[in-house]
Amino acid sequence: MRAALRKAAGLKQDEVAEVFGVTRVAFHRWETDQATPHRRRLEAYARLLNGWAKKYPEAASAPPVPEQEAS
């Protein structure tokens, strides 16, 4: 769902990673639930996801994106 929300917003992983000040790989791990951001980033990321979910409800209910398509 996280990747679907990001894609619905028209953004790439590296674009969002840059805003958070992390590498694309680190962001990919957040997006695929392989890692959790530190507290301040986690709170900001949660707000971002919640905002996207409200703006793009169809993406919020989308099935998970296969990993090779996650960028």
Protein backbone atom coordinates (compact mmCIF):
# COMPACT_ATOMS: atom_id res chain seq x y z
CA MET A 1 0.00 0.00 0.00
CA ARG A 2 2.83 2.46 0.79
CA ALA A 3 4.30 2.23 -2.71
CA ALA A 4 0.83 2.56 -4.26
CA LEU A 5 0.23 5.75 -2.28
CA ARG A 6 3.60 7.20 -3.30
CA LYS A 7 2.98 6.34 -6.94
CA ALA A 8 -0.51 7.85 -6.78
CA ALA A 9 1.17 11.07 -5.64
CA GLY A 10 3.42 10.85 -8.72
CA LEU A 11 6.66 10.51 -6.79
CA LYS A 12 9.68 8.21 -7.05
CA GLN A 13 11.45 6.62 -4.10
CA ASP A 14 14.54 8.79 -4.50
CA GLU A 15 12.41 11.96 -4.47
CA VAL A 16 10.77 11.09 -1.16
CA ALA A 17 14.04 9.79 0.29
CA GLU A 18 15.70 13.13 -0.48
CA VAL A 19 12.99 15.02 1.44
CA PHE A 20 13.54 12.78 4.46
CA GLY A 21 17.32 13.03 4.16
CA VAL A 22 17.87 9.30 3.70
CA THR A 23 19.12 7.11 0.88
CA ARG A 24 16.76 5.54 -1.63
CA VAL A 25 17.71 2.14 -0.20
CA ALA A 26 16.75 3.24 3.33
CA PHE A 27 13.45 4.59 2.05
CA HIS A 28 12.80 1.36 0.12
CA ARG A 29 13.25 -0.54 3.38
CA TRP A 30 10.66 1.69 5.07
CA GLU A 31 8.27 1.24 2.19
CA THR A 32 8.60 -2.55 2.21
CA ASP A 33 8.44 -2.79 6.03
CA GLN A 34 12.01 -4.09 6.28
CA ALA A 35 13.02 -1.18 8.54
CA THR A 36 11.36 1.48 10.64
CA PRO A 37 12.36 5.14 10.52
CA HIS A 38 13.64 6.79 13.68
CA ARG A 39 11.03 8.58 15.77
CA ARG A 40 10.90 12.03 14.14
CA ARG A 41 11.04 10.60 10.63
CA LEU A 42 8.51 7.92 11.54
CA GLU A 43 6.03 10.55 12.73
CA ALA A 44 6.54 12.62 9.56
CA TYR A 45 6.30 9.55 7.32
CA ALA A 46 3.08 8.47 9.05
CA ARG A 47 1.58 11.94 8.50
CA LEU A 48 2.61 11.81 4.84
CA LEU A 49 1.06 8.36 4.34
CA ASN A 50 -2.15 9.39 6.11
CA GLY A 51 -2.40 12.49 3.93
CA TRP A 52 -1.88 10.47 0.77
CA ALA A 53 -4.45 7.89 1.94
CA LYS A 54 -7.05 10.64 2.30
CA LYS A 55 -6.15 12.17 -1.05
CA TYR A 56 -5.88 8.85 -2.94
CA PRO A 57 -8.31 6.41 -1.26
CA GLU A 58 -8.17 4.04 -4.25
CA ALA A 59 -4.41 3.62 -3.74
CA ALA A 60 -4.88 3.09 0.00
CA SER A 61 -6.91 -0.04 -0.73
CA ALA A 62 -4.68 -1.29 -3.55
CA PRO A 63 -3.01 -4.70 -3.20
CA PRO A 64 0.74 -4.68 -2.42
CA VAL A 65 3.05 -3.87 -5.32
CA PRO A 66 5.52 -6.66 -6.24
CA GLU A 67 9.03 -5.72 -5.09
CA GLN A 68 10.53 -5.32 -8.59
CA GLU A 69 7.92 -2.63 -9.28
CA ALA A 70 8.46 -0.79 -5.99
CA SER A 71 10.58 2.04 -7.37
